[in-house]
Amino acid sequence: MIDFLELKDKLRATEYSALCLYGNDVWVKRRALSNICDVYGVEDDGFGVDRPDPTLEEITLACLTPSMFGSKKLVVVEAPFFPEKRDDVYGDKAKADSKRVADKTAELRRGLSDLLAKADGGFCLIFFADSDKNFVGINGLETVNCNRLDRQSVISWIVSYGKREQRVIDRVCAARIADYCLSDMSRVSVETRKLIDHGEVTPEAIEMLVHKDAEYAVYDLSSAIAAQNAARATDIYRELVSRGEEPRALFALIYNFYRRVYYVKTSSFSTEEIAAYLGVKPASVGFARETAERYKPMQLKRALDYLAVADARLKAFVDDGEVMNILIMQLISL
C-alpha cells in the first residue's frame, strides 16, 4: 500500500502496471491522478487518458491498444468495477446474491491478473474505489491510500506546496490554514494558492484572506464560552452574523457541536471511529475533544438542556437575536 503523500516518489522509483486509488476524499484521488499524469508525462486532455466502460472486456481492449500520443497510456476506471450486494433481497435470495457477487468478483480478479501479466510498460491501469477490499492481492496492482489526510499530513502538504512554489510557509502558518479549513483539502488547496498569489504567507495575511469555515468559527466561539469570556464570545457571534451567517444556521452548528462534545466526553472511541460514526471530518471531532477537556459531563448535560430550550423558542418564532444572546450567556455560566 502506498500513502498519497509518498506517491510521486514511489512512481519515480517503480514502474506500476495498475493502481487502485481508494478512500473517502475525492480531492485526494483527483490529485493522485494528477500526480500520476505528471510523473508519466501524460496530458489528461481526452487523448492521453482513456476512460473505458467498467467491464473487463472494455478495460482489456483499452490497455492493450497502444497509445497514439506517447509511450505510456493511462486507463482510468472511475465507476465501480466489482459487483455489489443488493440491499432489497433477504433470506435465500440474499444468500444467492452473495454467491453471485463472490463468483463474479473472483472471475474479475482472475481476469485482471491475466491482463496485468501481459503488461509491458505501455499502460497503467487506474481504478477509483471507496475501498481496497477487492483489489488487494492482485499480482501487478498496487493500492494507494486516498483517505482524508489527518491534520499533520495536511500541514506537511501545505509546507511542501509552498516550497514547490518557492514560498516559505512555516508549520505555524500551515497549521492555521489547516484549522481554518477544517483540513478539507479542496479548501486548503484553494486558500493556500490564494495566499501564495498574494505574496508572503504570514499570520496577518491568513487572517485577512483565509475564510474561516463556519464550523471552525463555532469552535472559536465555544472556546470563548468555555473561557467564560463574554465579550469575546459576543464579538465572535456578531461578526458571524455580520458576514451573512443566519442565526438559526449558527444555532444548528452550535447544537451539533455541543452534542458532539458530550458524545466525545462520555465515550471511549477514537477520533476516527467517532468521525465515521457521526459522519463528520476528524478535525471536527478533534475540536470537540479539545473543548470536552474543559467541561465535566454534568456541565455538558446542562448545556444540552439550554440548547433544547433555545431550540423550542426558535421554533416558536421568538426573536433570533434574543434567543442566541441568552443562550451564549447561559453557556458561559456553566
C-alpha atoms as a PDB file:
ATOM      1  CA  MET A   1       0.000   0.000   0.000  1.00  0.00           C
ATOM      2  CA  ILE A   2       1.256   3.471  -0.936  1.00  0.00           C
ATOM      3  CA  ASP A   3       0.334   6.564   1.049  1.00  0.00           C
ATOM      4  CA  PHE A   4      -0.859   9.540  -1.007  1.00  0.00           C
ATOM      5  CA  LEU A   5       1.949  11.808   0.215  1.00  0.00           C
ATOM      6  CA  GLU A   6       4.632   9.370  -0.962  1.00  0.00           C
ATOM      7  CA  LEU A   7       3.006   8.525  -4.308  1.00  0.00           C
ATOM      8  CA  LYS A   8       5.197  10.733  -6.517  1.00  0.00           C
ATOM      9  CA  ASP A   9       8.440   9.343  -5.069  1.00  0.00           C
ATOM     10  CA  LYS A  10       7.164   5.784  -5.461  1.00  0.00           C
ATOM     11  CA  LEU A  11       6.162   6.399  -9.081  1.00  0.00           C
ATOM     12  CA  ARG A  12       9.603   7.768  -9.918  1.00  0.00           C
ATOM     13  CA  ALA A  13      11.299   4.744  -8.337  1.00  0.00           C
ATOM     14  CA  THR A  14       8.981   1.933  -9.510  1.00  0.00           C
ATOM     15  CA  GLU A  15       7.032   1.088 -12.661  1.00  0.00           C
ATOM     16  CA  TYR A  16       3.410   0.211 -11.859  1.00  0.00           C
ATOM     17  CA  SER A  17       1.052  -1.556 -14.257  1.00  0.00           C
ATOM     18  CA  ALA A  18      -2.057  -0.874 -12.162  1.00  0.00           C
ATOM     19  CA  LEU A  19      -3.042   1.295  -9.208  1.00  0.00           C
ATOM     20  CA  CYS A  20      -6.191   1.443  -7.108  1.00  0.00           C
ATOM     21  CA  LEU A  21      -6.855   4.916  -5.693  1.00  0.00           C
ATOM     22  CA  TYR A  22      -9.129   4.132  -2.766  1.00  0.00           C
ATOM     23  CA  GLY A  23     -10.525   6.228   0.057  1.00  0.00           C
ATOM     24  CA  ASN A  24     -13.118   8.780   1.109  1.00  0.00           C
ATOM     25  CA  ASP A  25     -11.614  12.029  -0.232  1.00  0.00           C
ATOM     26  CA  VAL A  26     -12.390  12.878  -3.858  1.00  0.00           C
ATOM     27  CA  TRP A  27      -9.850  15.728  -3.886  1.00  0.00           C
ATOM     28  CA  VAL A  28      -7.049  13.387  -2.811  1.00  0.00           C
ATOM     29  CA  LYS A  29      -7.982  10.879  -5.544  1.00  0.00           C
ATOM     30  CA  ARG A  30      -8.058  13.619  -8.179  1.00  0.00           C
ATOM     31  CA  ARG A  31      -4.702  14.975  -7.048  1.00  0.00           C
ATOM     32  CA  ALA A  32      -3.258  11.439  -7.023  1.00  0.00           C
ATOM     33  CA  LEU A  33      -4.353  11.026 -10.650  1.00  0.00           C
ATOM     34  CA  SER A  34      -2.824  14.413 -11.481  1.00  0.00           C
ATOM     35  CA  ASN A  35       0.452  13.311  -9.865  1.00  0.00           C
ATOM     36  CA  ILE A  36       0.443  10.106 -11.925  1.00  0.00           C
ATOM     37  CA  CYS A  37      -0.077  12.128 -15.105  1.00  0.00           C
ATOM     38  CA  ASP A  38       2.785  14.467 -14.158  1.00  0.00           C
ATOM     39  CA  VAL A  39       5.259  11.674 -13.452  1.00  0.00           C
ATOM     40  CA  TYR A  40       4.382   9.727 -16.602  1.00  0.00           C
ATOM     41  CA  GLY A  41       4.237  12.843 -18.779  1.00  0.00           C
ATOM     42  CA  VAL A  42       0.644  12.260 -19.864  1.00  0.00           C
ATOM     43  CA  GLU A  43      -1.877  15.041 -20.544  1.00  0.00           C
ATOM     44  CA  ASP A  44      -5.390  14.351 -19.238  1.00  0.00           C
ATOM     45  CA  ASP A  45      -6.891  16.152 -22.237  1.00  0.00           C
ATOM     46  CA  GLY A  46      -9.094  13.430 -23.704  1.00  0.00           C
ATOM     47  CA  PHE A  47      -6.274  11.845 -25.731  1.00  0.00           C
ATOM     48  CA  GLY A  48      -3.548  10.567 -23.372  1.00  0.00           C
ATOM     49  CA  VAL A  49      -6.029   9.152 -20.857  1.00  0.00           C
ATOM     50  CA  ASP A  50      -8.615   6.531 -21.827  1.00  0.00           C
ATOM     51  CA  ARG A  51     -11.787   6.080 -19.756  1.00  0.00           C
ATOM     52  CA  PRO A  52     -13.489   2.854 -20.868  1.00  0.00           C
ATOM     53  CA  ASP A  53     -16.727   1.387 -19.537  1.00  0.00           C
ATOM     54  CA  PRO A  54     -16.078  -0.545 -16.289  1.00  0.00           C
ATOM     55  CA  THR A  55     -16.153  -4.002 -17.903  1.00  0.00           C
ATOM     56  CA  LEU A  56     -13.212  -6.381 -18.127  1.00  0.00           C
ATOM     57  CA  GLU A  57     -13.573  -6.590 -21.901  1.00  0.00           C
ATOM     58  CA  GLU A  58     -13.519  -2.811 -22.463  1.00  0.00           C
ATOM     59  CA  ILE A  59     -10.680  -2.306 -19.974  1.00  0.00           C
ATOM     60  CA  THR A  60      -8.591  -5.040 -21.604  1.00  0.00           C
ATOM     61  CA  LEU A  61      -9.126  -3.524 -25.048  1.00  0.00           C
ATOM     62  CA  ALA A  62      -8.137  -0.054 -23.806  1.00  0.00           C
ATOM     63  CA  CYS A  63      -4.998  -1.336 -22.072  1.00  0.00           C
ATOM     64  CA  LEU A  64      -3.753  -3.448 -24.981  1.00  0.00           C
ATOM     65  CA  THR A  65      -4.371  -0.798 -27.646  1.00  0.00           C
ATOM     66  CA  PRO A  66      -1.140   1.238 -27.968  1.00  0.00           C
ATOM     67  CA  SER A  67      -1.278   4.957 -27.301  1.00  0.00           C
ATOM     68  CA  MET A  68      -1.071   7.249 -30.310  1.00  0.00           C
ATOM     69  CA  PHE A  69       0.081  10.201 -28.198  1.00  0.00           C
ATOM     70  CA  GLY A  70       3.046   8.883 -26.214  1.00  0.00           C
ATOM     71  CA  SER A  71       4.849   5.850 -24.874  1.00  0.00           C
ATOM     72  CA  LYS A  72       2.525   5.423 -21.885  1.00  0.00           C
ATOM     73  CA  LYS A  73      -1.254   5.172 -21.878  1.00  0.00           C
ATOM     74  CA  LEU A  74      -3.284   5.773 -18.726  1.00  0.00           C
ATOM     75  CA  VAL A  75      -6.540   3.832 -18.495  1.00  0.00           C
ATOM     76  CA  VAL A  76      -8.805   5.246 -15.779  1.00  0.00           C
ATOM     77  CA  VAL A  77     -11.859   3.445 -14.386  1.00  0.00           C
ATOM     78  CA  GLU A  78     -13.865   5.712 -12.069  1.00  0.00           C
ATOM     79  CA  ALA A  79     -17.163   3.793 -11.972  1.00  0.00           C
ATOM     80  CA  PRO A  80     -17.480   0.709  -9.698  1.00  0.00           C
ATOM     81  CA  PHE A  81     -15.771  -2.287 -11.257  1.00  0.00           C
ATOM     82  CA  PHE A  82     -16.636  -5.094  -8.866  1.00  0.00           C
ATOM     83  CA  PRO A  83     -20.281  -6.117  -8.286  1.00  0.00           C
ATOM     84  CA  GLU A  84     -22.057  -5.095  -5.087  1.00  0.00           C
ATOM     85  CA  LYS A  85     -24.613  -6.925  -2.973  1.00  0.00           C
ATOM     86  CA  ARG A  86     -28.237  -5.955  -3.381  1.00  0.00           C
ATOM     87  CA  ASP A  87     -29.982  -4.286  -0.436  1.00  0.00           C
ATOM     88  CA  ASP A  88     -33.501  -5.293  -1.430  1.00  0.00           C
ATOM     89  CA  VAL A  89     -33.235  -9.099  -1.068  1.00  0.00           C
ATOM     90  CA  TYR A  90     -33.497 -11.253   2.060  1.00  0.00           C
ATOM     91  CA  GLY A  91     -33.238 -14.867   3.180  1.00  0.00           C
ATOM     92  CA  ASP A  92     -32.363 -17.405   0.483  1.00  0.00           C
ATOM     93  CA  LYS A  93     -32.308 -14.701  -2.185  1.00  0.00           C
ATOM     94  CA  ALA A  94     -29.709 -12.785  -0.183  1.00  0.00           C
ATOM     95  CA  LYS A  95     -27.543 -15.920   0.059  1.00  0.00           C
ATOM     96  CA  ALA A  96     -27.853 -16.489  -3.690  1.00  0.00           C
ATOM     97  CA  ASP A  97     -26.964 -12.852  -4.322  1.00  0.00           C
ATOM     98  CA  SER A  98     -23.901 -13.118  -2.071  1.00  0.00           C
ATOM     99  CA  LYS A  99     -22.739 -16.164  -4.018  1.00  0.00           C
ATOM    100  CA  ARG A 100     -23.277 -14.311  -7.305  1.00  0.00           C
ATOM    101  CA  VAL A 101     -21.177 -11.393  -6.085  1.00  0.00           C
ATOM    102  CA  ALA A 102     -18.413 -13.672  -4.771  1.00  0.00           C
ATOM    103  CA  ASP A 103     -18.245 -15.691  -8.001  1.00  0.00           C
ATOM    104  CA  LYS A 104     -18.215 -12.599 -10.225  1.00  0.00           C
ATOM    105  CA  THR A 105     -15.589 -10.908  -8.049  1.00  0.00           C
ATOM    106  CA  ALA A 106     -13.322 -13.967  -8.250  1.00  0.00           C
ATOM    107  CA  GLU A 107     -13.781 -14.062 -12.034  1.00  0.00           C
ATOM    108  CA  LEU A 108     -12.880 -10.362 -12.401  1.00  0.00           C
ATOM    109  CA  ARG A 109      -9.830 -10.714 -10.136  1.00  0.00           C
ATOM    110  CA  ARG A 110      -8.558 -13.575 -12.295  1.00  0.00           C
ATOM    111  CA  GLY A 111      -9.203 -11.522 -15.422  1.00  0.00           C
ATOM    112  CA  LEU A 112      -7.252  -8.560 -14.035  1.00  0.00           C
ATOM    113  CA  SER A 113      -4.365 -10.820 -13.041  1.00  0.00           C
ATOM    114  CA  ASP A 114      -4.257 -12.245 -16.584  1.00  0.00           C
ATOM    115  CA  LEU A 115      -4.337  -8.760 -18.090  1.00  0.00           C
ATOM    116  CA  LEU A 116      -1.561  -7.420 -15.860  1.00  0.00           C
ATOM    117  CA  ALA A 117       0.587 -10.470 -16.638  1.00  0.00           C
ATOM    118  CA  LYS A 118       0.694  -9.133 -20.224  1.00  0.00           C
ATOM    119  CA  ALA A 119       1.803  -5.647 -19.137  1.00  0.00           C
ATOM    120  CA  ASP A 120       4.901  -4.409 -20.973  1.00  0.00           C
ATOM    121  CA  GLY A 121       5.104  -0.868 -19.598  1.00  0.00           C
ATOM    122  CA  GLY A 122       2.850   0.578 -22.280  1.00  0.00           C
ATOM    123  CA  PHE A 123      -0.078   1.226 -19.962  1.00  0.00           C
ATOM    124  CA  CYS A 124      -1.003   1.990 -16.374  1.00  0.00           C
ATOM    125  CA  LEU A 125      -4.488   0.946 -15.296  1.00  0.00           C
ATOM    126  CA  ILE A 126      -6.010   3.138 -12.569  1.00  0.00           C
ATOM    127  CA  PHE A 127      -9.122   2.338 -10.549  1.00  0.00           C
ATOM    128  CA  PHE A 128     -11.075   4.735  -8.315  1.00  0.00           C
ATOM    129  CA  ALA A 129     -12.708   2.928  -5.383  1.00  0.00           C
ATOM    130  CA  ASP A 130     -14.143   3.547  -1.939  1.00  0.00           C
ATOM    131  CA  SER A 131     -12.264   0.575  -0.501  1.00  0.00           C
ATOM    132  CA  ASP A 132      -9.254  -1.537  -1.449  1.00  0.00           C
ATOM    133  CA  LYS A 133     -11.102  -4.682  -0.339  1.00  0.00           C
ATOM    134  CA  ASN A 134     -11.289  -6.472  -3.708  1.00  0.00           C
ATOM    135  CA  PHE A 135      -8.019  -5.129  -5.119  1.00  0.00           C
ATOM    136  CA  VAL A 136      -5.548  -6.367  -2.509  1.00  0.00           C
ATOM    137  CA  GLY A 137      -3.552  -9.404  -3.613  1.00  0.00           C
ATOM    138  CA  ILE A 138      -3.930  -8.958  -7.382  1.00  0.00           C
ATOM    139  CA  ASN A 139      -0.499  -9.502  -8.939  1.00  0.00           C
ATOM    140  CA  GLY A 140       0.808  -6.358 -10.603  1.00  0.00           C
ATOM    141  CA  LEU A 141      -1.632  -3.991  -8.842  1.00  0.00           C
ATOM    142  CA  GLU A 142      -0.730  -1.611  -6.006  1.00  0.00           C
ATOM    143  CA  THR A 143      -3.205   0.258  -3.804  1.00  0.00           C
ATOM    144  CA  VAL A 144      -2.928   3.972  -2.926  1.00  0.00           C
ATOM    145  CA  ASN A 145      -4.464   5.291   0.294  1.00  0.00           C
ATOM    146  CA  CYS A 146      -6.543   8.333  -0.677  1.00  0.00           C
ATOM    147  CA  ASN A 147      -8.483   8.735   2.565  1.00  0.00           C
ATOM    148  CA  ARG A 148      -8.827  12.189   4.102  1.00  0.00           C
ATOM    149  CA  LEU A 149      -5.486  13.457   5.312  1.00  0.00           C
ATOM    150  CA  ASP A 150      -5.036  13.947   9.028  1.00  0.00           C
ATOM    151  CA  ARG A 151      -4.112  17.381  10.356  1.00  0.00           C
ATOM    152  CA  GLN A 152      -0.353  16.754  10.449  1.00  0.00           C
ATOM    153  CA  SER A 153      -0.378  15.419   6.880  1.00  0.00           C
ATOM    154  CA  VAL A 154      -2.322  18.489   5.702  1.00  0.00           C
ATOM    155  CA  ILE A 155       0.226  20.761   7.411  1.00  0.00           C
ATOM    156  CA  SER A 156       3.085  18.868   5.733  1.00  0.00           C
ATOM    157  CA  TRP A 157       1.347  19.191   2.358  1.00  0.00           C
ATOM    158  CA  ILE A 158       0.952  22.968   2.784  1.00  0.00           C
ATOM    159  CA  VAL A 159       4.627  23.388   3.698  1.00  0.00           C
ATOM    160  CA  SER A 160       5.733  21.225   0.743  1.00  0.00           C
ATOM    161  CA  TYR A 161       3.391  23.038  -1.641  1.00  0.00           C
ATOM    162  CA  GLY A 162       4.938  26.330  -0.553  1.00  0.00           C
ATOM    163  CA  LYS A 163       8.424  25.002  -1.305  1.00  0.00           C
ATOM    164  CA  ARG A 164       7.359  23.894  -4.796  1.00  0.00           C
ATOM    165  CA  GLU A 165       6.008  27.398  -5.399  1.00  0.00           C
ATOM    166  CA  GLN A 166       9.152  28.995  -3.917  1.00  0.00           C
ATOM    167  CA  ARG A 167       7.274  30.418  -0.941  1.00  0.00           C
ATOM    168  CA  VAL A 168       8.247  29.819   2.672  1.00  0.00           C
ATOM    169  CA  ILE A 169       5.294  28.609   4.752  1.00  0.00           C
ATOM    170  CA  ASP A 170       6.237  27.721   8.309  1.00  0.00           C
ATOM    171  CA  ARG A 171       4.355  24.997  10.170  1.00  0.00           C
ATOM    172  CA  VAL A 172       2.607  27.502  12.466  1.00  0.00           C
ATOM    173  CA  CYS A 173       1.042  29.270   9.482  1.00  0.00           C
ATOM    174  CA  ALA A 174       0.316  25.938   7.798  1.00  0.00           C
ATOM    175  CA  ALA A 175      -1.474  24.744  10.942  1.00  0.00           C
ATOM    176  CA  ARG A 176      -3.627  27.866  10.983  1.00  0.00           C
ATOM    177  CA  ILE A 177      -4.610  27.370   7.331  1.00  0.00           C
ATOM    178  CA  ALA A 178      -5.443  23.711   8.015  1.00  0.00           C
ATOM    179  CA  ASP A 179      -7.553  24.587  11.060  1.00  0.00           C
ATOM    180  CA  TYR A 180      -9.453  27.392   9.373  1.00  0.00           C
ATOM    181  CA  CYS A 181     -10.310  24.989   6.528  1.00  0.00           C
ATOM    182  CA  LEU A 182     -11.035  22.035   8.863  1.00  0.00           C
ATOM    183  CA  SER A 183      -8.294  20.117   7.000  1.00  0.00           C
ATOM    184  CA  ASP A 184     -10.594  19.890   3.972  1.00  0.00           C
ATOM    185  CA  MET A 185      -8.056  19.574   1.153  1.00  0.00           C
ATOM    186  CA  SER A 186     -10.331  21.034  -1.511  1.00  0.00           C
ATOM    187  CA  ARG A 187     -10.473  24.247   0.553  1.00  0.00           C
ATOM    188  CA  VAL A 188      -6.884  24.029   1.798  1.00  0.00           C
ATOM    189  CA  SER A 189      -5.543  23.913  -1.767  1.00  0.00           C
ATOM    190  CA  VAL A 190      -7.612  26.924  -2.862  1.00  0.00           C
ATOM    191  CA  GLU A 191      -6.770  29.041   0.187  1.00  0.00           C
ATOM    192  CA  THR A 192      -3.063  28.164   0.049  1.00  0.00           C
ATOM    193  CA  ARG A 193      -2.941  29.091  -3.642  1.00  0.00           C
ATOM    194  CA  LYS A 194      -4.670  32.393  -2.809  1.00  0.00           C
ATOM    195  CA  LEU A 195      -2.058  33.188  -0.147  1.00  0.00           C
ATOM    196  CA  ILE A 196       0.855  32.304  -2.434  1.00  0.00           C
ATOM    197  CA  ASP A 197      -0.533  34.518  -5.184  1.00  0.00           C
ATOM    198  CA  HIS A 198      -0.860  37.315  -2.607  1.00  0.00           C
ATOM    199  CA  GLY A 199       2.818  37.124  -1.675  1.00  0.00           C
ATOM    200  CA  GLU A 200       4.286  36.173   1.697  1.00  0.00           C
ATOM    201  CA  VAL A 201       2.312  33.708   3.785  1.00  0.00           C
ATOM    202  CA  THR A 202       2.117  35.350   7.194  1.00  0.00           C
ATOM    203  CA  PRO A 203      -0.327  35.160  10.127  1.00  0.00           C
ATOM    204  CA  GLU A 204      -1.597  38.608   9.157  1.00  0.00           C
ATOM    205  CA  ALA A 205      -2.230  37.541   5.549  1.00  0.00           C
ATOM    206  CA  ILE A 206      -4.011  34.394   6.730  1.00  0.00           C
ATOM    207  CA  GLU A 207      -6.323  36.396   8.987  1.00  0.00           C
ATOM    208  CA  MET A 208      -7.060  38.825   6.171  1.00  0.00           C
ATOM    209  CA  LEU A 209      -7.508  36.391   3.266  1.00  0.00           C
ATOM    210  CA  VAL A 210      -8.487  32.947   4.519  1.00  0.00           C
ATOM    211  CA  HIS A 211     -12.187  32.460   5.085  1.00  0.00           C
ATOM    212  CA  LYS A 212     -12.774  30.547   8.309  1.00  0.00           C
ATOM    213  CA  ASP A 213     -15.035  27.559   7.928  1.00  0.00           C
ATOM    214  CA  ALA A 214     -18.273  28.262   9.844  1.00  0.00           C
ATOM    215  CA  GLU A 215     -17.673  25.127  11.899  1.00  0.00           C
ATOM    216  CA  TYR A 216     -14.229  26.396  12.905  1.00  0.00           C
ATOM    217  CA  ALA A 217     -15.783  29.729  13.836  1.00  0.00           C
ATOM    218  CA  VAL A 218     -18.215  27.836  16.088  1.00  0.00           C
ATOM    219  CA  TYR A 219     -15.214  26.136  17.718  1.00  0.00           C
ATOM    220  CA  ASP A 220     -13.684  29.597  18.187  1.00  0.00           C
ATOM    221  CA  LEU A 221     -16.963  30.737  19.777  1.00  0.00           C
ATOM    222  CA  SER A 222     -17.119  27.683  22.055  1.00  0.00           C
ATOM    223  CA  SER A 223     -13.526  28.343  23.184  1.00  0.00           C
ATOM    224  CA  ALA A 224     -14.503  31.861  24.235  1.00  0.00           C
ATOM    225  CA  ILE A 225     -17.575  30.472  26.007  1.00  0.00           C
ATOM    226  CA  ALA A 226     -15.522  27.811  27.821  1.00  0.00           C
ATOM    227  CA  ALA A 227     -13.080  30.526  28.895  1.00  0.00           C
ATOM    228  CA  GLN A 228     -16.102  32.490  30.204  1.00  0.00           C
ATOM    229  CA  ASN A 229     -15.075  35.439  28.042  1.00  0.00           C
ATOM    230  CA  ALA A 230     -18.464  37.025  27.377  1.00  0.00           C
ATOM    231  CA  ALA A 231     -17.116  39.983  25.401  1.00  0.00           C
ATOM    232  CA  ARG A 232     -15.091  37.776  23.062  1.00  0.00           C
ATOM    233  CA  ALA A 233     -17.950  35.299  22.588  1.00  0.00           C
ATOM    234  CA  THR A 234     -20.403  38.090  21.794  1.00  0.00           C
ATOM    235  CA  ASP A 235     -17.959  39.696  19.334  1.00  0.00           C
ATOM    236  CA  ILE A 236     -17.468  36.381  17.506  1.00  0.00           C
ATOM    237  CA  TYR A 237     -21.217  35.824  17.250  1.00  0.00           C
ATOM    238  CA  ARG A 238     -21.832  39.355  15.950  1.00  0.00           C
ATOM    239  CA  GLU A 239     -19.003  39.007  13.420  1.00  0.00           C
ATOM    240  CA  LEU A 240     -20.515  35.766  12.095  1.00  0.00           C
ATOM    241  CA  VAL A 241     -23.927  37.377  11.703  1.00  0.00           C
ATOM    242  CA  SER A 242     -22.436  40.483  10.074  1.00  0.00           C
ATOM    243  CA  ARG A 243     -20.741  38.383   7.396  1.00  0.00           C
ATOM    244  CA  GLY A 244     -24.040  36.802   6.448  1.00  0.00           C
ATOM    245  CA  GLU A 245     -24.404  33.730   8.668  1.00  0.00           C
ATOM    246  CA  GLU A 246     -28.031  33.109   9.639  1.00  0.00           C
ATOM    247  CA  PRO A 247     -28.647  32.912  13.435  1.00  0.00           C
ATOM    248  CA  ARG A 248     -30.710  29.739  13.035  1.00  0.00           C
ATOM    249  CA  ALA A 249     -27.962  28.118  10.971  1.00  0.00           C
ATOM    250  CA  LEU A 250     -25.410  29.111  13.616  1.00  0.00           C
ATOM    251  CA  PHE A 251     -27.652  27.667  16.310  1.00  0.00           C
ATOM    252  CA  ALA A 252     -27.750  24.346  14.446  1.00  0.00           C
ATOM    253  CA  LEU A 253     -23.946  24.303  14.250  1.00  0.00           C
ATOM    254  CA  ILE A 254     -23.618  25.137  17.955  1.00  0.00           C
ATOM    255  CA  TYR A 255     -26.198  22.489  18.913  1.00  0.00           C
ATOM    256  CA  ASN A 256     -24.446  19.827  16.842  1.00  0.00           C
ATOM    257  CA  PHE A 257     -21.074  20.891  18.198  1.00  0.00           C
ATOM    258  CA  TYR A 258     -22.113  20.546  21.864  1.00  0.00           C
ATOM    259  CA  ARG A 259     -23.802  17.221  21.170  1.00  0.00           C
ATOM    260  CA  ARG A 260     -20.521  16.089  19.627  1.00  0.00           C
ATOM    261  CA  VAL A 261     -18.593  17.387  22.652  1.00  0.00           C
ATOM    262  CA  TYR A 262     -20.899  15.471  25.014  1.00  0.00           C
ATOM    263  CA  TYR A 263     -20.519  12.294  22.944  1.00  0.00           C
ATOM    264  CA  VAL A 264     -16.712  12.628  22.952  1.00  0.00           C
ATOM    265  CA  LYS A 265     -16.696  13.257  26.706  1.00  0.00           C
ATOM    266  CA  THR A 266     -18.811  10.223  27.541  1.00  0.00           C
ATOM    267  CA  SER A 267     -17.406   7.668  25.064  1.00  0.00           C
ATOM    268  CA  SER A 268     -14.133   5.777  24.790  1.00  0.00           C
ATOM    269  CA  PHE A 269     -13.995   5.599  20.977  1.00  0.00           C
ATOM    270  CA  SER A 270     -11.112   7.064  18.966  1.00  0.00           C
ATOM    271  CA  THR A 271     -11.365  10.292  16.986  1.00  0.00           C
ATOM    272  CA  GLU A 272     -11.508   8.366  13.698  1.00  0.00           C
ATOM    273  CA  GLU A 273     -14.210   5.995  14.992  1.00  0.00           C
ATOM    274  CA  ILE A 274     -16.375   8.876  16.239  1.00  0.00           C
ATOM    275  CA  ALA A 275     -15.902  10.794  12.970  1.00  0.00           C
ATOM    276  CA  ALA A 276     -17.002   7.769  10.957  1.00  0.00           C
ATOM    277  CA  TYR A 277     -19.993   7.145  13.248  1.00  0.00           C
ATOM    278  CA  LEU A 278     -21.170  10.770  13.173  1.00  0.00           C
ATOM    279  CA  GLY A 279     -20.326  11.319   9.510  1.00  0.00           C
ATOM    280  CA  VAL A 280     -18.068  14.330  10.136  1.00  0.00           C
ATOM    281  CA  LYS A 281     -14.442  15.211   9.461  1.00  0.00           C
ATOM    282  CA  PRO A 282     -11.856  14.002  12.030  1.00  0.00           C
ATOM    283  CA  ALA A 283     -10.861  17.663  12.512  1.00  0.00           C
ATOM    284  CA  SER A 284     -14.383  18.399  13.772  1.00  0.00           C
ATOM    285  CA  VAL A 285     -14.067  15.654  16.380  1.00  0.00           C
ATOM    286  CA  GLY A 286     -10.605  16.949  17.283  1.00  0.00           C
ATOM    287  CA  PHE A 287     -12.066  20.376  18.052  1.00  0.00           C
ATOM    288  CA  ALA A 288     -14.832  18.737  20.093  1.00  0.00           C
ATOM    289  CA  ARG A 289     -12.258  16.739  22.055  1.00  0.00           C
ATOM    290  CA  GLU A 290     -10.300  19.881  22.910  1.00  0.00           C
ATOM    291  CA  THR A 291     -13.481  21.569  24.152  1.00  0.00           C
ATOM    292  CA  ALA A 292     -14.605  18.480  26.093  1.00  0.00           C
ATOM    293  CA  GLU A 293     -11.480  18.665  28.261  1.00  0.00           C
ATOM    294  CA  ARG A 294     -12.782  21.941  29.730  1.00  0.00           C
ATOM    295  CA  TYR A 295     -16.082  20.525  30.992  1.00  0.00           C
ATOM    296  CA  LYS A 296     -17.479  17.902  33.310  1.00  0.00           C
ATOM    297  CA  PRO A 297     -20.185  15.579  31.921  1.00  0.00           C
ATOM    298  CA  MET A 298     -22.923  17.219  34.036  1.00  0.00           C
ATOM    299  CA  GLN A 299     -21.989  20.656  32.713  1.00  0.00           C
ATOM    300  CA  LEU A 300     -22.343  19.390  29.153  1.00  0.00           C
ATOM    301  CA  LYS A 301     -25.688  17.832  30.041  1.00  0.00           C
ATOM    302  CA  ARG A 302     -26.868  21.246  31.261  1.00  0.00           C
ATOM    303  CA  ALA A 303     -25.559  22.794  28.033  1.00  0.00           C
ATOM    304  CA  LEU A 304     -27.699  20.381  26.019  1.00  0.00           C
ATOM    305  CA  ASP A 305     -30.708  21.295  28.181  1.00  0.00           C
ATOM    306  CA  TYR A 306     -30.140  25.004  27.481  1.00  0.00           C
ATOM    307  CA  LEU A 307     -29.816  24.237  23.767  1.00  0.00           C
ATOM    308  CA  ALA A 308     -33.063  22.245  23.781  1.00  0.00           C
ATOM    309  CA  VAL A 309     -34.910  25.179  25.362  1.00  0.00           C
ATOM    310  CA  ALA A 310     -33.389  27.590  22.829  1.00  0.00           C
ATOM    311  CA  ASP A 311     -34.437  25.246  20.018  1.00  0.00           C
ATOM    312  CA  ALA A 312     -38.031  25.271  21.254  1.00  0.00           C
ATOM    313  CA  ARG A 313     -38.028  29.090  21.497  1.00  0.00           C
ATOM    314  CA  LEU A 314     -36.686  29.466  17.960  1.00  0.00           C
ATOM    315  CA  LYS A 315     -39.385  27.121  16.680  1.00  0.00           C
ATOM    316  CA  ALA A 316     -41.921  29.318  18.495  1.00  0.00           C
ATOM    317  CA  PHE A 317     -40.583  32.279  16.458  1.00  0.00           C
ATOM    318  CA  VAL A 318     -39.059  34.154  19.392  1.00  0.00           C
ATOM    319  CA  ASP A 319     -36.565  36.800  18.183  1.00  0.00           C
ATOM    320  CA  ASP A 320     -33.433  35.036  16.910  1.00  0.00           C
ATOM    321  CA  GLY A 321     -31.003  37.565  18.335  1.00  0.00           C
ATOM    322  CA  GLU A 322     -32.586  37.478  21.790  1.00  0.00           C
ATOM    323  CA  VAL A 323     -32.538  33.675  21.905  1.00  0.00           C
ATOM    324  CA  MET A 324     -28.903  33.452  20.806  1.00  0.00           C
ATOM    325  CA  ASN A 325     -27.663  36.128  23.199  1.00  0.00           C
ATOM    326  CA  ILE A 326     -29.404  34.463  26.157  1.00  0.00           C
ATOM    327  CA  LEU A 327     -28.053  31.066  25.093  1.00  0.00           C
ATOM    328  CA  ILE A 328     -24.473  32.336  24.916  1.00  0.00           C
ATOM    329  CA  MET A 329     -24.773  33.803  28.415  1.00  0.00           C
ATOM    330  CA  GLN A 330     -26.247  30.555  29.737  1.00  0.00           C
ATOM    331  CA  LEU A 331     -23.416  28.515  28.235  1.00  0.00           C
ATOM    332  CA  ILE A 332     -20.843  30.886  29.726  1.00  0.00           C
ATOM    333  CA  SER A 333     -22.426  30.381  33.177  1.00  0.00           C
ATOM    334  CA  LEU A 334     -21.984  26.575  33.151  1.00  0.00           C
END
